[in-house]
Amino acid sequence: MLAMLPRLVDAEARLALLAAPVAVACGFPSPAQDYYDGPIDLTDMLVDDRAATFIVRASGHSMTGAGISDGDELLVDRSKHPQHGDIVVAVLDGELTVKRLELTPAGVVLRSENAEHPDITVPELSDLQVWGVAMYCIHHLR
C-alpha cells in the first residue's frame, strides 16, 4: 500500500554530497583508502529519466521481505518496462499498491514479500496499470 500520491522529481534539482575519501568496510575493517573522486551527485547516480521519475512513500508491511519498510520512500521510474520479478507501483481496480510483479502462464500475480499478506492474483478482466518500476528504496535508519 502507498501512503500518498506520487511526487515528481524536480527535473532541475541537484543534490551533490561530499563523498568520504575512504571505503568503509562492512566485513573486516580495512586500512585501504583507495581514492577520492570528489562530490557525488545523487540525482545523476539515482535518476535515469527525470521526467519519468517520482517518489512515493510506502505504507504497511507487505514488502518487508524485499527491504521495504513502512514509511520508506521509493524512487520509481515510469520509463522502465516492467519485467517479471520487478517491484512495481501499480493501480489495480483503482487501488494503489507496491508489489513484486510475477508474469506466469496463468496470468499476472502481484506478490507480497511478507507471508502474513496474501499475494494478489489479477483476474483477467481487472483494470491493472503499472505506474512504474521501483528502482531504489530510501530506508530510514533512525
N, C-alpha and C. Protein backbone atom coordinates (compact mmCIF):
# COMPACT_ATOMS: atom_id res chain seq x y z
N MET A 1 0.84 -1.16 0.00
CA MET A 1 0.00 0.00 0.00
C MET A 1 0.89 1.24 0.00
N LEU A 2 0.39 2.32 -0.55
CA LEU A 2 1.16 3.56 -0.60
C LEU A 2 0.45 4.63 0.22
N ALA A 3 1.23 5.43 0.92
CA ALA A 3 0.68 6.40 1.85
C ALA A 3 0.27 7.71 1.19
N MET A 4 0.77 7.99 0.02
CA MET A 4 0.47 9.27 -0.58
C MET A 4 0.57 9.18 -2.09
N LEU A 5 0.05 10.18 -2.75
CA LEU A 5 0.18 10.23 -4.20
C LEU A 5 1.62 10.50 -4.58
N PRO A 6 2.02 10.08 -5.77
CA PRO A 6 3.40 10.27 -6.20
C PRO A 6 3.79 11.74 -6.27
N ARG A 7 5.06 12.00 -5.99
CA ARG A 7 5.64 13.33 -6.15
C ARG A 7 6.70 13.23 -7.22
N LEU A 8 6.61 14.07 -8.23
CA LEU A 8 7.61 14.06 -9.30
C LEU A 8 8.95 14.56 -8.78
N VAL A 9 10.01 14.02 -9.34
CA VAL A 9 11.35 14.51 -9.04
C VAL A 9 11.56 15.77 -9.86
N ASP A 10 11.96 16.87 -9.23
CA ASP A 10 12.19 18.13 -9.93
C ASP A 10 13.32 17.95 -10.94
N ALA A 11 13.02 18.19 -12.20
CA ALA A 11 14.00 17.97 -13.27
C ALA A 11 15.22 18.87 -13.15
N GLU A 12 15.10 19.99 -12.45
CA GLU A 12 16.21 20.92 -12.32
C GLU A 12 16.97 20.76 -11.00
N ALA A 13 16.40 20.02 -10.07
CA ALA A 13 17.01 19.90 -8.74
C ALA A 13 18.29 19.09 -8.81
N ARG A 14 19.26 19.47 -8.00
CA ARG A 14 20.53 18.76 -7.90
C ARG A 14 20.79 18.51 -6.43
N LEU A 15 21.38 17.40 -6.13
CA LEU A 15 21.78 17.11 -4.77
C LEU A 15 23.15 16.48 -4.81
N ALA A 16 24.15 17.31 -4.56
CA ALA A 16 25.53 16.82 -4.54
C ALA A 16 26.00 16.76 -3.10
N LEU A 17 26.55 15.63 -2.72
CA LEU A 17 27.06 15.44 -1.37
C LEU A 17 28.53 15.09 -1.45
N LEU A 18 29.27 15.47 -0.42
CA LEU A 18 30.68 15.10 -0.37
C LEU A 18 30.81 13.62 -0.09
N ALA A 19 31.72 13.00 -0.80
CA ALA A 19 31.99 11.57 -0.59
C ALA A 19 33.20 11.45 0.32
N ALA A 20 33.13 10.53 1.26
CA ALA A 20 34.29 10.29 2.13
C ALA A 20 35.44 9.75 1.30
N PRO A 21 36.66 10.16 1.60
CA PRO A 21 37.80 9.73 0.78
C PRO A 21 38.26 8.31 1.08
N VAL A 22 37.46 7.55 1.80
CA VAL A 22 37.83 6.16 2.13
C VAL A 22 36.64 5.25 1.87
N ALA A 23 36.95 3.98 1.62
CA ALA A 23 35.90 2.97 1.55
C ALA A 23 35.66 2.46 2.96
N VAL A 24 34.41 2.23 3.32
CA VAL A 24 34.06 1.76 4.65
C VAL A 24 33.74 0.28 4.57
N ALA A 25 34.51 -0.53 5.29
CA ALA A 25 34.33 -1.98 5.26
C ALA A 25 33.09 -2.39 6.04
N CYS A 26 32.30 -3.28 5.45
CA CYS A 26 31.15 -3.84 6.16
C CYS A 26 31.51 -5.16 6.82
N GLY A 27 32.60 -5.75 6.39
CA GLY A 27 33.07 -7.01 6.97
C GLY A 27 34.21 -6.71 7.91
N PHE A 28 35.39 -7.24 7.60
CA PHE A 28 36.56 -6.97 8.41
C PHE A 28 37.06 -5.56 8.10
N PRO A 29 37.43 -4.80 9.12
CA PRO A 29 37.96 -3.46 8.88
C PRO A 29 39.16 -3.51 7.95
N SER A 30 39.22 -2.52 7.06
CA SER A 30 40.30 -2.47 6.09
C SER A 30 41.00 -1.12 6.16
N PRO A 31 42.32 -1.12 6.17
CA PRO A 31 43.05 0.15 6.18
C PRO A 31 43.11 0.80 4.80
N ALA A 32 42.54 0.15 3.80
CA ALA A 32 42.64 0.66 2.42
C ALA A 32 41.89 1.98 2.28
N GLN A 33 42.56 2.97 1.71
CA GLN A 33 41.96 4.25 1.38
C GLN A 33 42.20 4.46 -0.10
N ASP A 34 41.30 3.91 -0.91
CA ASP A 34 41.50 3.87 -2.36
C ASP A 34 41.79 5.25 -2.94
N TYR A 35 40.77 5.99 -3.26
CA TYR A 35 40.96 7.30 -3.87
C TYR A 35 39.69 8.11 -3.66
N TYR A 36 39.81 9.41 -3.85
CA TYR A 36 38.68 10.31 -3.67
C TYR A 36 38.28 10.87 -5.02
N ASP A 37 37.02 10.66 -5.39
CA ASP A 37 36.52 11.12 -6.69
C ASP A 37 35.83 12.47 -6.63
N GLY A 38 35.72 13.05 -5.47
CA GLY A 38 35.01 14.31 -5.34
C GLY A 38 33.55 14.08 -4.96
N PRO A 39 32.74 15.14 -5.04
CA PRO A 39 31.35 15.03 -4.64
C PRO A 39 30.57 14.03 -5.51
N ILE A 40 29.55 13.46 -4.92
CA ILE A 40 28.66 12.55 -5.64
C ILE A 40 27.35 13.28 -5.86
N ASP A 41 26.88 13.33 -7.10
CA ASP A 41 25.59 13.93 -7.42
C ASP A 41 24.54 12.82 -7.36
N LEU A 42 23.71 12.85 -6.33
CA LEU A 42 22.72 11.78 -6.15
C LEU A 42 21.69 11.76 -7.27
N THR A 43 21.40 12.90 -7.86
CA THR A 43 20.46 12.92 -8.97
C THR A 43 21.02 12.13 -10.14
N ASP A 44 22.27 12.39 -10.50
CA ASP A 44 22.88 11.63 -11.60
C ASP A 44 23.01 10.16 -11.26
N MET A 45 23.28 9.87 -10.01
CA MET A 45 23.50 8.49 -9.59
C MET A 45 22.21 7.67 -9.56
N LEU A 46 21.09 8.29 -9.19
CA LEU A 46 19.86 7.55 -8.94
C LEU A 46 18.78 7.71 -9.99
N VAL A 47 18.83 8.77 -10.80
CA VAL A 47 17.73 9.07 -11.71
C VAL A 47 18.19 8.96 -13.15
N ASP A 48 17.58 8.03 -13.90
CA ASP A 48 17.89 7.89 -15.33
C ASP A 48 17.07 8.84 -16.18
N ASP A 49 15.78 8.97 -15.89
CA ASP A 49 14.88 9.80 -16.68
C ASP A 49 14.10 10.69 -15.72
N ARG A 50 14.54 11.93 -15.59
CA ARG A 50 13.95 12.84 -14.61
C ARG A 50 12.47 13.07 -14.83
N ALA A 51 12.06 13.20 -16.09
CA ALA A 51 10.66 13.49 -16.38
C ALA A 51 9.75 12.31 -16.04
N ALA A 52 10.32 11.11 -15.95
CA ALA A 52 9.52 9.91 -15.71
C ALA A 52 9.72 9.35 -14.31
N THR A 53 10.39 10.09 -13.44
CA THR A 53 10.73 9.58 -12.12
C THR A 53 9.93 10.29 -11.04
N PHE A 54 9.41 9.51 -10.10
CA PHE A 54 8.68 10.10 -8.98
C PHE A 54 9.00 9.33 -7.71
N ILE A 55 8.60 9.91 -6.59
CA ILE A 55 8.84 9.33 -5.28
C ILE A 55 7.50 9.08 -4.60
N VAL A 56 7.36 7.89 -4.00
CA VAL A 56 6.17 7.58 -3.21
C VAL A 56 6.63 7.07 -1.84
N ARG A 57 5.77 7.21 -0.87
CA ARG A 57 6.06 6.70 0.47
C ARG A 57 5.30 5.39 0.66
N ALA A 58 6.02 4.35 1.04
CA ALA A 58 5.40 3.05 1.29
C ALA A 58 4.66 3.08 2.62
N SER A 59 3.56 2.35 2.66
CA SER A 59 2.77 2.25 3.88
C SER A 59 2.41 0.79 4.09
N GLY A 60 2.65 0.28 5.27
CA GLY A 60 2.31 -1.10 5.56
C GLY A 60 3.53 -1.99 5.60
N HIS A 61 3.29 -3.29 5.74
CA HIS A 61 4.38 -4.25 5.97
C HIS A 61 4.42 -5.39 4.96
N SER A 62 3.68 -5.29 3.87
CA SER A 62 3.60 -6.41 2.93
C SER A 62 4.87 -6.62 2.12
N MET A 63 5.80 -5.66 2.13
CA MET A 63 7.01 -5.78 1.31
C MET A 63 8.29 -5.81 2.14
N THR A 64 8.18 -6.14 3.42
CA THR A 64 9.36 -6.13 4.29
C THR A 64 10.42 -7.13 3.84
N GLY A 65 10.02 -8.23 3.24
CA GLY A 65 10.98 -9.22 2.75
C GLY A 65 11.83 -8.71 1.61
N ALA A 66 11.37 -7.65 0.95
CA ALA A 66 12.14 -7.03 -0.13
C ALA A 66 12.93 -5.83 0.39
N GLY A 67 12.91 -5.61 1.71
CA GLY A 67 13.65 -4.50 2.28
C GLY A 67 12.89 -3.19 2.28
N ILE A 68 11.59 -3.24 2.02
CA ILE A 68 10.76 -2.03 2.01
C ILE A 68 9.93 -2.02 3.29
N SER A 69 10.19 -1.01 4.12
CA SER A 69 9.50 -0.90 5.41
C SER A 69 8.47 0.22 5.37
N ASP A 70 7.57 0.19 6.33
CA ASP A 70 6.55 1.23 6.47
C ASP A 70 7.24 2.59 6.59
N GLY A 71 6.87 3.54 5.75
CA GLY A 71 7.44 4.88 5.79
C GLY A 71 8.61 5.11 4.86
N ASP A 72 9.13 4.05 4.24
CA ASP A 72 10.24 4.22 3.29
C ASP A 72 9.79 4.99 2.06
N GLU A 73 10.72 5.68 1.44
CA GLU A 73 10.45 6.39 0.19
C GLU A 73 10.96 5.53 -0.96
N LEU A 74 10.15 5.36 -1.99
CA LEU A 74 10.54 4.58 -3.16
C LEU A 74 10.74 5.51 -4.34
N LEU A 75 11.87 5.37 -5.01
CA LEU A 75 12.16 6.12 -6.22
C LEU A 75 11.69 5.25 -7.38
N VAL A 76 10.70 5.73 -8.13
CA VAL A 76 10.02 4.94 -9.14
C VAL A 76 10.23 5.56 -10.52
N ASP A 77 10.57 4.73 -11.50
CA ASP A 77 10.84 5.19 -12.86
C ASP A 77 9.77 4.64 -13.80
N ARG A 78 8.99 5.54 -14.39
CA ARG A 78 7.93 5.15 -15.32
C ARG A 78 8.48 4.79 -16.70
N SER A 79 9.72 5.15 -16.99
CA SER A 79 10.27 4.87 -18.32
C SER A 79 10.78 3.43 -18.44
N LYS A 80 10.92 2.73 -17.32
CA LYS A 80 11.39 1.34 -17.35
C LYS A 80 10.23 0.42 -17.70
N HIS A 81 10.49 -0.53 -18.60
CA HIS A 81 9.46 -1.51 -18.95
C HIS A 81 9.40 -2.56 -17.84
N PRO A 82 8.24 -2.73 -17.19
CA PRO A 82 8.16 -3.69 -16.09
C PRO A 82 8.41 -5.12 -16.57
N GLN A 83 9.25 -5.82 -15.85
CA GLN A 83 9.60 -7.20 -16.19
C GLN A 83 9.28 -8.12 -15.03
N HIS A 84 9.19 -9.40 -15.33
CA HIS A 84 8.96 -10.42 -14.31
C HIS A 84 9.99 -10.26 -13.19
N GLY A 85 9.52 -10.17 -11.96
CA GLY A 85 10.41 -10.05 -10.81
C GLY A 85 10.64 -8.63 -10.34
N ASP A 86 10.27 -7.63 -11.14
CA ASP A 86 10.44 -6.24 -10.72
C ASP A 86 9.48 -5.90 -9.58
N ILE A 87 9.90 -4.98 -8.74
CA ILE A 87 8.98 -4.40 -7.76
C ILE A 87 8.36 -3.18 -8.44
N VAL A 88 7.03 -3.16 -8.48
CA VAL A 88 6.33 -2.13 -9.24
C VAL A 88 5.34 -1.39 -8.36
N VAL A 89 5.04 -0.17 -8.77
CA VAL A 89 3.92 0.57 -8.23
C VAL A 89 2.81 0.41 -9.25
N ALA A 90 1.67 -0.12 -8.79
CA ALA A 90 0.59 -0.44 -9.71
C ALA A 90 -0.74 0.06 -9.15
N VAL A 91 -1.68 0.22 -10.07
CA VAL A 91 -3.06 0.53 -9.70
C VAL A 91 -3.90 -0.66 -10.16
N LEU A 92 -4.55 -1.31 -9.21
CA LEU A 92 -5.42 -2.44 -9.52
C LEU A 92 -6.84 -2.08 -9.10
N ASP A 93 -7.70 -1.97 -10.10
CA ASP A 93 -9.10 -1.61 -9.86
C ASP A 93 -9.22 -0.37 -8.98
N GLY A 94 -8.38 0.63 -9.27
CA GLY A 94 -8.44 1.91 -8.57
C GLY A 94 -7.65 1.99 -7.28
N GLU A 95 -7.03 0.89 -6.85
CA GLU A 95 -6.25 0.87 -5.61
C GLU A 95 -4.76 0.88 -5.92
N LEU A 96 -4.03 1.80 -5.30
CA LEU A 96 -2.59 1.93 -5.50
C LEU A 96 -1.86 0.96 -4.58
N THR A 97 -0.86 0.24 -5.12
CA THR A 97 -0.11 -0.74 -4.32
C THR A 97 1.31 -0.87 -4.83
N VAL A 98 2.18 -1.40 -3.99
CA VAL A 98 3.54 -1.75 -4.41
C VAL A 98 3.71 -3.24 -4.14
N LYS A 99 4.11 -3.98 -5.17
CA LYS A 99 4.26 -5.43 -5.08
C LYS A 99 5.32 -5.89 -6.08
N ARG A 100 5.73 -7.16 -5.93
CA ARG A 100 6.63 -7.77 -6.91
C ARG A 100 5.77 -8.32 -8.04
N LEU A 101 6.13 -7.98 -9.27
CA LEU A 101 5.38 -8.39 -10.46
C LEU A 101 5.83 -9.78 -10.89
N GLU A 102 4.87 -10.69 -10.99
CA GLU A 102 5.16 -12.02 -11.50
C GLU A 102 4.27 -12.28 -12.70
N LEU A 103 4.91 -12.58 -13.81
CA LEU A 103 4.20 -12.89 -15.05
C LEU A 103 4.26 -14.40 -15.24
N THR A 104 3.12 -15.06 -15.10
CA THR A 104 3.06 -16.51 -15.17
C THR A 104 2.23 -16.92 -16.38
N PRO A 105 2.32 -18.18 -16.81
CA PRO A 105 1.46 -18.65 -17.91
C PRO A 105 -0.02 -18.48 -17.59
N ALA A 106 -0.37 -18.53 -16.31
CA ALA A 106 -1.77 -18.39 -15.91
C ALA A 106 -2.21 -16.93 -15.81
N GLY A 107 -1.26 -16.00 -15.83
CA GLY A 107 -1.61 -14.59 -15.72
C GLY A 107 -0.66 -13.82 -14.83
N VAL A 108 -1.13 -12.68 -14.35
CA VAL A 108 -0.30 -11.77 -13.56
C VAL A 108 -0.58 -11.97 -12.07
N VAL A 109 0.50 -12.02 -11.29
CA VAL A 109 0.40 -12.09 -9.83
C VAL A 109 1.18 -10.91 -9.26
N LEU A 110 0.56 -10.19 -8.34
CA LEU A 110 1.24 -9.14 -7.58
C LEU A 110 1.60 -9.77 -6.25
N ARG A 111 2.89 -10.07 -6.08
CA ARG A 111 3.35 -10.86 -4.95
C ARG A 111 3.79 -9.98 -3.78
N SER A 112 3.29 -10.31 -2.61
CA SER A 112 3.74 -9.68 -1.37
C SER A 112 5.06 -10.31 -0.97
N GLU A 113 5.84 -9.60 -0.18
CA GLU A 113 7.11 -10.11 0.33
C GLU A 113 7.03 -10.27 1.84
N ASN A 114 5.87 -10.74 2.29
CA ASN A 114 5.63 -10.99 3.70
C ASN A 114 4.54 -12.07 3.76
N ALA A 115 4.83 -13.18 4.41
CA ALA A 115 3.91 -14.32 4.44
C ALA A 115 2.57 -13.97 5.10
N GLU A 116 2.53 -12.91 5.89
CA GLU A 116 1.29 -12.51 6.55
C GLU A 116 0.34 -11.76 5.62
N HIS A 117 0.81 -11.44 4.42
CA HIS A 117 0.00 -10.69 3.46
C HIS A 117 -0.18 -11.53 2.20
N PRO A 118 -1.42 -11.72 1.76
CA PRO A 118 -1.66 -12.58 0.60
C PRO A 118 -1.18 -11.94 -0.70
N ASP A 119 -0.78 -12.81 -1.63
CA ASP A 119 -0.49 -12.36 -2.99
C ASP A 119 -1.81 -12.01 -3.66
N ILE A 120 -1.72 -11.23 -4.72
CA ILE A 120 -2.92 -10.86 -5.47
C ILE A 120 -2.81 -11.47 -6.86
N THR A 121 -3.67 -12.45 -7.14
CA THR A 121 -3.76 -12.99 -8.49
C THR A 121 -4.71 -12.07 -9.24
N VAL A 122 -4.23 -11.44 -10.30
CA VAL A 122 -5.01 -10.43 -11.00
C VAL A 122 -6.01 -11.13 -11.93
N PRO A 123 -7.31 -10.97 -11.67
CA PRO A 123 -8.31 -11.56 -12.57
C PRO A 123 -8.19 -10.98 -13.97
N GLU A 124 -8.52 -11.79 -14.95
CA GLU A 124 -8.32 -11.42 -16.35
C GLU A 124 -9.00 -10.10 -16.73
N LEU A 125 -10.16 -9.83 -16.21
CA LEU A 125 -10.89 -8.62 -16.59
C LEU A 125 -10.63 -7.43 -15.68
N SER A 126 -9.67 -7.56 -14.78
CA SER A 126 -9.35 -6.46 -13.88
C SER A 126 -8.63 -5.34 -14.61
N ASP A 127 -8.75 -4.15 -14.05
CA ASP A 127 -8.05 -2.99 -14.59
C ASP A 127 -6.73 -2.85 -13.84
N LEU A 128 -5.63 -3.31 -14.45
CA LEU A 128 -4.30 -3.22 -13.86
C LEU A 128 -3.45 -2.26 -14.68
N GLN A 129 -2.89 -1.27 -14.01
CA GLN A 129 -1.96 -0.34 -14.65
C GLN A 129 -0.70 -0.30 -13.80
N VAL A 130 0.43 -0.57 -14.44
CA VAL A 130 1.71 -0.44 -13.74
C VAL A 130 2.20 0.98 -13.94
N TRP A 131 2.32 1.72 -12.86
CA TRP A 131 2.76 3.11 -12.93
C TRP A 131 4.26 3.22 -13.14
N GLY A 132 5.01 2.27 -12.65
CA GLY A 132 6.45 2.34 -12.81
C GLY A 132 7.16 1.26 -12.01
N VAL A 133 8.46 1.18 -12.23
CA VAL A 133 9.31 0.20 -11.57
C VAL A 133 10.05 0.89 -10.43
N ALA A 134 9.97 0.31 -9.24
CA ALA A 134 10.70 0.85 -8.09
C ALA A 134 12.19 0.55 -8.30
N MET A 135 12.99 1.59 -8.34
CA MET A 135 14.42 1.45 -8.61
C MET A 135 15.26 1.50 -7.33
N TYR A 136 14.84 2.31 -6.38
CA TYR A 136 15.58 2.47 -5.13
C TYR A 136 14.60 2.64 -3.98
N CYS A 137 15.05 2.24 -2.81
CA CYS A 137 14.29 2.41 -1.58
C CYS A 137 15.14 3.24 -0.63
N ILE A 138 14.59 4.34 -0.17
CA ILE A 138 15.27 5.17 0.82
C ILE A 138 14.74 4.73 2.17
N HIS A 139 15.57 4.01 2.88
CA HIS A 139 15.17 3.38 4.14
C HIS A 139 15.73 4.19 5.31
N HIS A 140 14.87 4.57 6.20
CA HIS A 140 15.29 5.36 7.36
C HIS A 140 15.95 4.45 8.39
N LEU A 141 17.11 4.83 8.87
CA LEU A 141 17.82 4.04 9.87
C LEU A 141 17.55 4.50 11.29
N ARG A 142 17.03 5.69 11.43
CA ARG A 142 16.70 6.23 12.76
C ARG A 142 15.29 6.71 12.79
